[in-house]
Amino acid sequence: MNITKENINELNATITVKIEKNDYEATVNETLKDYRKKVNMPGFRPGKVPAGLVKKMYGKAILADEVNKMLSNNLSKYLVDEKLNILGEPLPNEEKQATIDWDKDEDFEFIFDVAMAPEIEVKLDKRKKFAYYNIEVDDEMVNKQVESYTSRFGENVVSEVAGEKDTLRGDFVQLDAEGNELADGITAEKVIIAIDLMKDEAIRNEAIGKKAGDVLVFDPVKAYESKHEVGHMLNISHEEAEKIEGNFKFTIAEVLTFKAAELNEDLFKKAFGDDTEVKTEEEFRAKLKEELAGQFVQSSDYKFALDSRDALVEKIGMELPEEFLKRWLKATNNELTDEQIDTEFDGFMKDLRWQLIKDRIVRDNEIKIDEADVKEVAKQMAAYQFSQYGMHNVPDEHLENYAGHILGNEEERRRVTQKALDDKVLETIKSKVALEEKAISFDEFNKLLEN
């Protein structure tokens, strides 16, 4: 077997793989022998089918399979051994590749086009200045967080008289046109309804001021302007809900007023765990401010990642083999049309340029990631997911278990591994360039992201 490479220019080359009969003959013959032992054919005992007949029936397929395996394995090995940094994958040469005749040919020649990644230099030093936006945590944000916690850990308490934001617990009974209870009508017990969610003002005003034991007669569909919502409230099917019309009698069992949790040590423990050092409202607010600032660091890093990517892609000029890359996109994505490739090609090229820049940063700075790095990122992702449900300060053992669950999925593991590498690239850029730190409000920051 002989493999040679011919450079067309700095970005394009051809690789020729020549496979001769003596390269594959022994392997093909051995495979034919195995087939002869296994093949079943009427008129012959197992393993006694004539070798010539087996070769006639299966020889071409076996030859093609063995040659293609040899081609694939040796071409891949050549690319690794020669340390060729190619873009995409080798593609058959459309002009020079001859048609293979598996019936007659004994020696084979395969010609591939390859695209070479350009050599680039990425200089990161303090002469390069990048804006880094520190999002300010103001009192309004802290107040909203305080309100969120007091609401989350608040409770409904029984009241005497219904107010405009109270809820009512009671029983529904469907009425006929004359206002009598329907014997076979819809009923629902211990239903909770929210007065402030009623869309009909007259019905809402009638509910305000009611007490336990009072009766409220109203059309629930008119009150909430949604048969779907009413169906869910009465625990009936969608089909039944569509047929609802007319009034129901609602007998009030309880008036419930929501009472926000007090800012005391009990709330602080519910929020941050039993071992929290937060004892006062001032310390509670300081802790919330610290948490918000920590969350905003991720947003600031995300913006910095976007800005540094755009700046480096624009600054570092590189030629790329565009025609080859369009061919490769089409060859590897059968569903993509030429129009789609043309439309999305600029975005693809920008992503590719950034990937080449990242690869160079990784090599120049000898960036490596290990299992500990991957696990730490998985734990951070787990902590973030828990926080979305208001669960902060989750015990480390729970984070470890959830991280293990994430990494058990091969696709998720690849995604986490890539993020771990991207995080280290970002930290390397931040450490080597000059950061112009700028304080900015949350609203101003969001406007920057929109542009």
Protein backbone atom coordinates (compact mmCIF):
# COMPACT_ATOMS: atom_id res chain seq x y z
CA MET A 1 0.00 0.00 0.00
CA ASN A 2 1.23 3.46 -0.86
CA ILE A 3 -0.16 6.80 0.37
CA THR A 4 1.06 10.13 -1.02
CA LYS A 5 0.03 13.75 -0.56
CA GLU A 6 0.23 16.48 -3.20
CA ASN A 7 -0.22 20.12 -2.21
CA ILE A 8 -2.33 22.18 -4.58
CA ASN A 9 -1.91 25.36 -2.56
CA GLU A 10 -1.61 26.28 1.12
CA LEU A 11 -5.19 25.29 1.84
CA ASN A 12 -5.92 22.42 -0.55
CA ALA A 13 -4.24 19.10 -1.23
CA THR A 14 -4.95 15.67 -2.66
CA ILE A 15 -4.15 12.37 -1.00
CA THR A 16 -3.74 9.28 -3.17
CA VAL A 17 -4.09 5.82 -1.69
CA LYS A 18 -2.91 2.88 -3.81
CA ILE A 19 -3.97 -0.59 -2.71
CA GLU A 20 -2.48 -3.54 -4.59
CA LYS A 21 -3.56 -7.17 -4.75
CA ASN A 22 -0.92 -8.39 -2.32
CA ASP A 23 -2.22 -5.86 0.27
CA TYR A 24 -5.65 -7.47 0.55
CA GLU A 25 -5.41 -10.94 -1.03
CA ALA A 26 -4.65 -12.90 2.14
CA THR A 27 -7.41 -11.19 4.13
CA VAL A 28 -10.00 -11.70 1.37
CA ASN A 29 -9.10 -15.39 0.99
CA GLU A 30 -9.34 -15.92 4.75
CA THR A 31 -12.77 -14.27 4.81
CA LEU A 32 -13.92 -16.47 1.90
CA LYS A 33 -12.83 -19.56 3.86
CA ASP A 34 -14.90 -18.42 6.83
CA TYR A 35 -17.90 -17.85 4.56
CA ARG A 36 -17.51 -21.35 3.09
CA LYS A 37 -17.73 -22.86 6.58
CA LYS A 38 -20.92 -20.98 7.43
CA VAL A 39 -22.86 -20.70 4.17
CA ASN A 40 -25.93 -22.90 3.66
CA MET A 41 -26.86 -23.83 0.10
CA PRO A 42 -29.39 -26.40 -1.16
CA GLY A 43 -27.66 -29.55 -2.44
CA PHE A 44 -24.55 -29.16 -0.35
CA ARG A 45 -23.72 -30.18 3.17
CA PRO A 46 -22.73 -27.30 5.53
CA GLY A 47 -19.09 -26.35 4.93
CA LYS A 48 -18.90 -28.37 1.68
CA VAL A 49 -20.01 -25.71 -0.83
CA PRO A 50 -17.31 -25.48 -3.52
CA ALA A 51 -14.86 -22.63 -2.93
CA GLY A 52 -15.30 -21.40 -6.50
CA LEU A 53 -19.06 -21.12 -6.06
CA VAL A 54 -18.67 -19.22 -2.77
CA LYS A 55 -16.21 -16.85 -4.45
CA LYS A 56 -18.58 -16.31 -7.39
CA MET A 57 -21.49 -15.51 -5.09
CA TYR A 58 -19.74 -13.48 -2.39
CA GLY A 59 -16.29 -12.63 -3.68
CA LYS A 60 -17.07 -9.18 -5.07
CA ALA A 61 -18.87 -8.02 -1.93
CA ILE A 62 -16.11 -9.38 0.32
CA LEU A 63 -13.42 -7.73 -1.82
CA ALA A 64 -15.18 -4.36 -1.75
CA ASP A 65 -15.75 -4.60 2.00
CA GLU A 66 -12.14 -5.53 2.82
CA VAL A 67 -10.64 -2.91 0.48
CA ASN A 68 -12.89 -0.17 1.90
CA LYS A 69 -12.01 -1.14 5.48
CA MET A 70 -8.31 -1.11 4.59
CA LEU A 71 -8.73 2.25 2.87
CA SER A 72 -10.56 3.84 5.81
CA ASN A 73 -8.22 2.52 8.50
CA ASN A 74 -5.00 3.43 6.69
CA LEU A 75 -6.18 6.85 5.55
CA SER A 76 -7.16 7.74 9.14
CA LYS A 77 -3.81 6.46 10.41
CA TYR A 78 -1.95 8.48 7.78
CA LEU A 79 -3.69 11.70 8.81
CA VAL A 80 -2.75 11.08 12.45
CA ASP A 81 0.82 9.97 11.76
CA GLU A 82 1.53 12.91 9.48
CA LYS A 83 -0.13 15.30 11.95
CA LEU A 84 -2.27 16.80 9.21
CA ASN A 85 -4.64 19.43 10.57
CA ILE A 86 -7.48 19.09 8.08
CA LEU A 87 -10.88 20.76 7.95
CA GLY A 88 -13.91 18.51 7.66
CA GLU A 89 -13.19 15.11 6.14
CA PRO A 90 -11.50 13.88 2.93
CA LEU A 91 -13.82 13.93 -0.07
CA PRO A 92 -13.43 11.82 -3.23
CA ASN A 93 -11.80 13.83 -6.02
CA GLU A 94 -14.52 14.54 -8.56
CA GLU A 95 -12.16 14.86 -11.57
CA LYS A 96 -9.38 12.30 -11.10
CA GLN A 97 -11.11 9.46 -9.26
CA ALA A 98 -11.66 6.60 -11.69
CA THR A 99 -14.69 4.31 -11.46
CA ILE A 100 -13.86 1.10 -9.61
CA ASP A 101 -14.68 -2.18 -11.41
CA TRP A 102 -14.83 -4.77 -8.64
CA ASP A 103 -15.14 -7.61 -11.19
CA LYS A 104 -11.94 -6.84 -13.10
CA ASP A 105 -9.67 -4.53 -11.11
CA GLU A 106 -6.99 -6.06 -8.91
CA ASP A 107 -5.13 -2.88 -7.99
CA PHE A 108 -7.04 0.17 -6.79
CA GLU A 109 -6.31 3.86 -6.62
CA PHE A 110 -8.35 6.26 -4.50
CA ILE A 111 -7.87 10.03 -4.75
CA PHE A 112 -9.20 12.38 -2.08
CA ASP A 113 -9.42 16.13 -1.77
CA VAL A 114 -8.51 17.49 1.65
CA ALA A 115 -8.68 21.00 3.07
CA MET A 116 -5.83 22.13 5.29
CA ALA A 117 -6.41 24.34 8.32
CA PRO A 118 -4.45 27.58 7.95
CA GLU A 119 -1.58 28.37 10.27
CA ILE A 120 -2.59 31.31 12.45
CA GLU A 121 -1.04 33.26 15.29
CA VAL A 122 -3.11 34.39 18.26
CA LYS A 123 -1.38 37.08 20.27
CA LEU A 124 -2.93 37.71 23.65
CA ASP A 125 -1.29 40.45 25.68
CA LYS A 126 -2.10 43.48 27.79
CA ARG A 127 -2.00 45.74 24.73
CA LYS A 128 -5.35 44.29 23.75
CA LYS A 129 -8.21 45.88 25.66
CA PHE A 130 -11.59 44.28 26.12
CA ALA A 131 -14.60 45.70 27.93
CA TYR A 132 -15.83 43.65 30.87
CA TYR A 133 -19.25 44.66 32.20
CA ASN A 134 -19.90 44.35 35.93
CA ILE A 135 -23.66 44.35 36.49
CA GLU A 136 -24.58 46.43 39.52
CA VAL A 137 -26.95 44.94 42.07
CA ASP A 138 -29.30 47.69 43.22
CA ASP A 139 -31.78 47.88 46.09
CA GLU A 140 -34.74 47.17 43.82
CA MET A 141 -33.25 43.82 42.81
CA VAL A 142 -32.60 42.88 46.42
CA ASN A 143 -36.13 43.93 47.38
CA LYS A 144 -37.56 41.67 44.65
CA GLN A 145 -35.49 38.77 45.95
CA VAL A 146 -36.69 39.43 49.49
CA GLU A 147 -40.28 39.48 48.24
CA SER A 148 -39.68 36.25 46.33
CA TYR A 149 -38.46 34.46 49.46
CA THR A 150 -41.19 35.79 51.73
CA SER A 151 -43.78 34.74 49.14
CA ARG A 152 -42.24 31.31 48.61
CA PHE A 153 -42.29 30.51 52.31
CA GLY A 154 -45.55 32.31 53.10
CA GLU A 155 -48.86 30.56 53.80
CA ASN A 156 -52.61 30.94 53.51
CA VAL A 157 -54.38 31.73 56.76
CA VAL A 158 -58.12 31.70 57.47
CA SER A 159 -59.77 35.14 57.44
CA GLU A 160 -63.19 36.44 58.36
CA VAL A 161 -64.00 38.53 55.29
CA ALA A 162 -62.76 38.09 51.69
CA GLY A 163 -60.54 40.82 50.32
CA GLU A 164 -59.75 41.56 46.68
CA LYS A 165 -56.57 39.40 46.72
CA ASP A 166 -57.91 36.53 48.82
CA THR A 167 -58.90 33.02 47.78
CA LEU A 168 -62.05 31.10 48.59
CA ARG A 169 -62.36 27.41 49.33
CA GLY A 170 -65.73 25.80 48.80
CA ASP A 171 -68.05 23.49 46.87
CA PHE A 172 -69.55 23.98 43.38
CA VAL A 173 -72.99 22.75 42.30
CA GLN A 174 -74.36 23.31 38.80
CA LEU A 175 -77.75 25.07 38.52
CA ASP A 176 -80.47 24.93 35.90
CA ALA A 177 -81.98 27.94 34.12
CA GLU A 178 -84.40 28.50 37.03
CA GLY A 179 -81.61 28.47 39.62
CA ASN A 180 -82.30 25.00 40.99
CA GLU A 181 -79.59 22.39 41.61
CA LEU A 182 -79.28 19.92 38.73
CA ALA A 183 -79.66 16.35 39.95
CA ASP A 184 -77.16 15.07 37.39
CA GLY A 185 -75.22 18.31 37.10
CA ILE A 186 -71.51 18.92 37.65
CA THR A 187 -70.34 19.15 41.27
CA ALA A 188 -66.89 19.77 42.72
CA GLU A 189 -65.79 19.86 46.36
CA LYS A 190 -63.03 21.79 48.16
CA VAL A 191 -62.27 23.93 45.13
CA ILE A 192 -60.03 26.96 45.62
CA ILE A 193 -60.75 30.04 43.52
CA ALA A 194 -58.74 33.26 43.36
CA ILE A 195 -60.76 36.46 43.50
CA ASP A 196 -58.09 38.64 41.86
CA LEU A 197 -57.93 36.30 38.82
CA MET A 198 -61.60 36.82 37.99
CA LYS A 199 -61.90 38.73 34.71
CA ASP A 200 -65.52 39.83 35.21
CA GLU A 201 -65.55 42.91 37.43
CA ALA A 202 -69.16 42.49 38.66
CA ILE A 203 -68.57 38.89 39.80
CA ARG A 204 -65.24 39.86 41.36
CA ASN A 205 -66.84 42.70 43.33
CA GLU A 206 -69.64 40.38 44.51
CA ALA A 207 -67.06 37.91 45.89
CA ILE A 208 -65.28 40.63 47.89
CA GLY A 209 -66.74 40.86 51.39
CA LYS A 210 -68.07 37.29 51.51
CA LYS A 211 -67.62 35.09 54.60
CA ALA A 212 -67.52 31.39 55.36
CA GLY A 213 -71.02 29.93 54.90
CA ASP A 214 -72.03 32.54 52.31
CA VAL A 215 -73.20 31.45 48.87
CA LEU A 216 -71.98 32.95 45.64
CA VAL A 217 -74.00 32.26 42.46
CA PHE A 218 -72.14 33.00 39.24
CA ASP A 219 -71.16 31.74 35.80
CA PRO A 220 -67.54 30.48 36.16
CA VAL A 221 -66.87 30.68 32.41
CA LYS A 222 -67.92 34.33 32.44
CA ALA A 223 -65.87 34.96 35.57
CA TYR A 224 -62.60 33.50 34.22
CA GLU A 225 -63.20 33.77 30.44
CA SER A 226 -61.68 30.35 29.86
CA LYS A 227 -63.50 27.01 29.62
CA HIS A 228 -60.14 25.26 29.81
CA GLU A 229 -59.31 26.94 33.12
CA VAL A 230 -62.77 26.23 34.50
CA GLY A 231 -62.51 22.58 33.43
CA HIS A 232 -59.23 22.27 35.27
CA MET A 233 -60.71 23.99 38.32
CA LEU A 234 -63.72 21.62 38.41
CA ASN A 235 -61.56 18.59 37.56
CA ILE A 236 -63.61 17.62 34.51
CA SER A 237 -62.64 16.56 30.99
CA HIS A 238 -61.97 18.98 28.14
CA GLU A 239 -65.10 17.74 26.38
CA GLU A 240 -67.27 18.37 29.47
CA ALA A 241 -65.73 21.81 29.93
CA GLU A 242 -66.67 22.81 26.38
CA LYS A 243 -70.34 22.14 27.19
CA ILE A 244 -70.44 24.22 30.41
CA GLU A 245 -72.88 27.07 30.44
CA GLY A 246 -74.97 28.93 32.99
CA ASN A 247 -74.59 29.49 36.72
CA PHE A 248 -73.12 27.44 39.53
CA LYS A 249 -73.71 27.76 43.26
CA PHE A 250 -70.49 28.13 45.21
CA THR A 251 -70.81 27.57 48.96
CA ILE A 252 -67.86 29.13 50.77
CA ALA A 253 -66.19 26.95 53.41
CA GLU A 254 -63.16 29.15 54.09
CA VAL A 255 -61.76 32.54 53.24
CA LEU A 256 -57.99 32.35 52.85
CA THR A 257 -55.59 35.28 52.99
CA PHE A 258 -52.00 34.83 51.91
CA LYS A 259 -49.55 35.93 54.57
CA ALA A 260 -45.97 36.48 53.53
CA ALA A 261 -43.30 34.92 55.72
CA GLU A 262 -41.68 37.16 58.30
CA LEU A 263 -38.03 38.09 57.98
CA ASN A 264 -36.71 36.04 60.86
CA GLU A 265 -34.26 33.21 61.54
CA ASP A 266 -36.84 30.60 60.57
CA LEU A 267 -37.05 32.08 57.06
CA PHE A 268 -33.27 32.43 56.81
CA LYS A 269 -32.84 28.73 57.62
CA LYS A 270 -35.45 27.73 55.06
CA ALA A 271 -33.67 29.84 52.48
CA PHE A 272 -30.05 28.92 53.19
CA GLY A 273 -30.10 25.78 55.32
CA ASP A 274 -30.05 25.07 59.04
CA ASP A 275 -26.33 25.85 59.36
CA THR A 276 -26.60 29.35 57.84
CA GLU A 277 -24.81 32.18 59.62
CA VAL A 278 -27.46 34.68 58.50
CA LYS A 279 -29.23 35.96 61.63
CA THR A 280 -30.55 39.43 60.78
CA GLU A 281 -32.47 41.12 57.97
CA GLU A 282 -29.36 43.13 57.14
CA GLU A 283 -27.30 39.96 56.79
CA PHE A 284 -30.11 38.38 54.75
CA ARG A 285 -30.11 41.26 52.29
CA ALA A 286 -26.32 41.19 52.09
CA LYS A 287 -26.44 37.46 51.32
CA LEU A 288 -29.02 37.98 48.58
CA LYS A 289 -26.93 40.76 47.08
CA GLU A 290 -23.90 38.47 47.09
CA GLU A 291 -25.89 35.70 45.38
CA LEU A 292 -27.19 38.05 42.71
CA ALA A 293 -23.68 39.37 42.06
CA GLY A 294 -22.47 35.77 41.66
CA GLN A 295 -25.24 35.01 39.17
CA PHE A 296 -24.39 38.14 37.21
CA VAL A 297 -20.77 37.03 36.85
CA GLN A 298 -22.02 34.29 34.53
CA SER A 299 -23.86 36.89 32.46
CA SER A 300 -20.80 39.14 32.38
CA ASP A 301 -18.61 36.23 31.30
CA TYR A 302 -21.10 35.32 28.59
CA LYS A 303 -21.00 38.86 27.19
CA PHE A 304 -17.20 38.91 27.41
CA ALA A 305 -17.06 35.58 25.56
CA LEU A 306 -19.20 37.01 22.73
CA ASP A 307 -17.19 40.23 22.51
CA SER A 308 -13.78 38.56 22.65
CA ARG A 309 -14.85 36.03 20.03
CA ASP A 310 -16.05 38.75 17.65
CA ALA A 311 -12.94 40.86 18.21
CA LEU A 312 -10.48 38.01 17.68
CA VAL A 313 -12.31 36.66 14.62
CA GLU A 314 -12.25 40.13 13.09
CA LYS A 315 -8.63 40.81 14.06
CA ILE A 316 -7.07 37.50 13.02
CA GLY A 317 -7.33 37.27 9.28
CA MET A 318 -7.32 33.80 7.78
CA GLU A 319 -8.08 32.38 4.38
CA LEU A 320 -10.26 29.29 4.30
CA PRO A 321 -11.00 26.81 1.45
CA GLU A 322 -14.58 27.94 0.96
CA GLU A 323 -15.42 25.83 -2.10
CA PHE A 324 -14.24 22.64 -0.40
CA LEU A 325 -16.15 23.49 2.76
CA LYS A 326 -19.38 24.02 0.80
CA ARG A 327 -18.86 20.62 -0.84
CA TRP A 328 -18.21 19.03 2.53
CA LEU A 329 -21.33 20.60 4.10
CA LYS A 330 -23.47 19.28 1.28
CA ALA A 331 -21.84 15.83 1.37
CA THR A 332 -22.36 15.43 5.11
CA ASN A 333 -25.81 17.07 5.38
CA ASN A 334 -28.04 15.54 2.74
CA GLU A 335 -31.04 17.61 3.80
CA LEU A 336 -29.27 20.95 3.20
CA THR A 337 -30.09 22.63 -0.09
CA ASP A 338 -27.63 24.83 -2.00
CA GLU A 339 -29.77 27.83 -1.03
CA GLN A 340 -29.61 26.93 2.66
CA ILE A 341 -25.84 26.46 2.49
CA ASP A 342 -25.42 29.87 0.86
CA THR A 343 -27.71 31.50 3.44
CA GLU A 344 -26.02 29.93 6.47
CA PHE A 345 -22.45 29.83 5.15
CA ASP A 346 -21.27 33.12 6.68
CA GLY A 347 -22.37 31.97 10.13
CA PHE A 348 -20.68 28.61 9.62
CA MET A 349 -17.45 30.31 8.56
CA LYS A 350 -17.48 32.59 11.60
CA ASP A 351 -17.94 29.59 13.89
CA LEU A 352 -15.14 27.73 12.12
CA ARG A 353 -12.75 30.69 12.41
CA TRP A 354 -13.51 30.93 16.13
CA GLN A 355 -12.94 27.18 16.55
CA LEU A 356 -9.52 27.48 14.88
CA ILE A 357 -8.64 30.41 17.14
CA LYS A 358 -9.70 28.45 20.22
CA ASP A 359 -7.64 25.45 19.08
CA ARG A 360 -4.61 27.71 18.73
CA ILE A 361 -5.12 29.19 22.21
CA VAL A 362 -5.40 25.68 23.65
CA ARG A 363 -2.14 24.59 21.98
CA ASP A 364 -0.20 27.76 22.75
CA ASN A 365 -1.17 27.72 26.42
CA GLU A 366 -1.11 23.95 26.84
CA ILE A 367 -4.67 23.97 28.16
CA LYS A 368 -5.84 20.58 29.35
CA ILE A 369 -8.93 19.34 31.09
CA ASP A 370 -9.29 16.25 33.24
CA GLU A 371 -12.15 14.36 34.82
CA ALA A 372 -12.13 16.67 37.84
CA ASP A 373 -12.71 19.70 35.57
CA VAL A 374 -15.59 17.96 33.81
CA LYS A 375 -17.15 16.89 37.09
CA GLU A 376 -16.90 20.40 38.52
CA VAL A 377 -18.72 21.89 35.52
CA ALA A 378 -21.40 19.20 35.82
CA LYS A 379 -21.85 20.12 39.51
CA GLN A 380 -22.18 23.80 38.58
CA MET A 381 -24.87 22.89 36.05
CA ALA A 382 -26.63 20.79 38.68
CA ALA A 383 -26.53 23.65 41.20
CA TYR A 384 -27.96 26.03 38.61
CA GLN A 385 -30.83 23.64 37.81
CA PHE A 386 -31.65 23.28 41.51
CA SER A 387 -31.57 27.07 41.93
CA GLN A 388 -34.19 27.40 39.17
CA TYR A 389 -36.58 25.68 41.57
CA GLY A 390 -35.56 27.89 44.47
CA MET A 391 -33.28 25.24 45.97
CA HIS A 392 -30.08 26.93 47.09
CA ASN A 393 -27.23 25.56 49.19
CA VAL A 394 -27.93 22.00 48.05
CA PRO A 395 -25.66 19.53 49.92
CA ASP A 396 -22.53 18.62 47.97
CA GLU A 397 -23.40 14.92 47.97
CA HIS A 398 -26.65 15.70 46.14
CA LEU A 399 -24.77 17.78 43.58
CA GLU A 400 -22.27 14.94 43.16
CA ASN A 401 -25.07 12.45 42.51
CA TYR A 402 -26.87 14.71 40.04
CA ALA A 403 -23.60 15.51 38.26
CA GLY A 404 -22.98 11.78 37.92
CA HIS A 405 -26.45 11.42 36.40
CA ILE A 406 -25.67 14.17 33.86
CA LEU A 407 -22.32 12.63 32.92
CA GLY A 408 -23.91 9.21 32.52
CA ASN A 409 -25.45 10.42 29.26
CA GLU A 410 -22.79 10.33 26.53
CA GLU A 411 -24.20 13.32 24.66
CA GLU A 412 -24.41 15.36 27.87
CA ARG A 413 -20.85 14.34 28.78
CA ARG A 414 -19.58 15.69 25.45
CA ARG A 415 -21.46 18.94 26.01
CA VAL A 416 -20.10 19.32 29.55
CA THR A 417 -16.56 18.47 28.42
CA GLN A 418 -16.73 21.12 25.71
CA LYS A 419 -17.99 23.69 28.22
CA ALA A 420 -15.15 22.83 30.59
CA LEU A 421 -12.66 23.49 27.78
CA ASP A 422 -14.44 26.68 26.69
CA ASP A 423 -14.37 27.96 30.28
CA LYS A 424 -10.62 27.46 30.48
CA VAL A 425 -10.11 29.22 27.14
CA LEU A 426 -12.20 32.14 28.40
CA GLU A 427 -10.19 32.35 31.63
CA THR A 428 -6.95 32.29 29.64
CA ILE A 429 -8.11 35.19 27.46
CA LYS A 430 -9.21 37.16 30.54
CA SER A 431 -5.88 36.62 32.25
CA LYS A 432 -3.77 37.72 29.28
CA VAL A 433 -5.60 40.77 27.92
CA ALA A 434 -6.35 44.10 29.57
CA LEU A 435 -9.87 44.24 31.00
CA GLU A 436 -11.64 47.60 31.00
CA GLU A 437 -14.14 46.96 33.75
CA LYS A 438 -17.32 48.97 33.42
CA ALA A 439 -20.15 49.18 35.93
CA ILE A 440 -23.53 48.87 34.26
CA SER A 441 -27.16 48.50 35.30
CA PHE A 442 -29.04 45.29 34.57
CA ASP A 443 -31.34 47.04 32.09
CA GLU A 444 -28.41 48.63 30.26
CA PHE A 445 -26.69 45.25 30.11
CA ASN A 446 -29.74 43.61 28.56
CA LYS A 447 -29.86 46.34 25.91
CA LEU A 448 -26.23 45.54 25.04
CA LEU A 449 -27.16 41.90 24.53
CA GLU A 450 -29.99 42.90 22.20
CA ASN A 451 -27.66 44.80 19.89
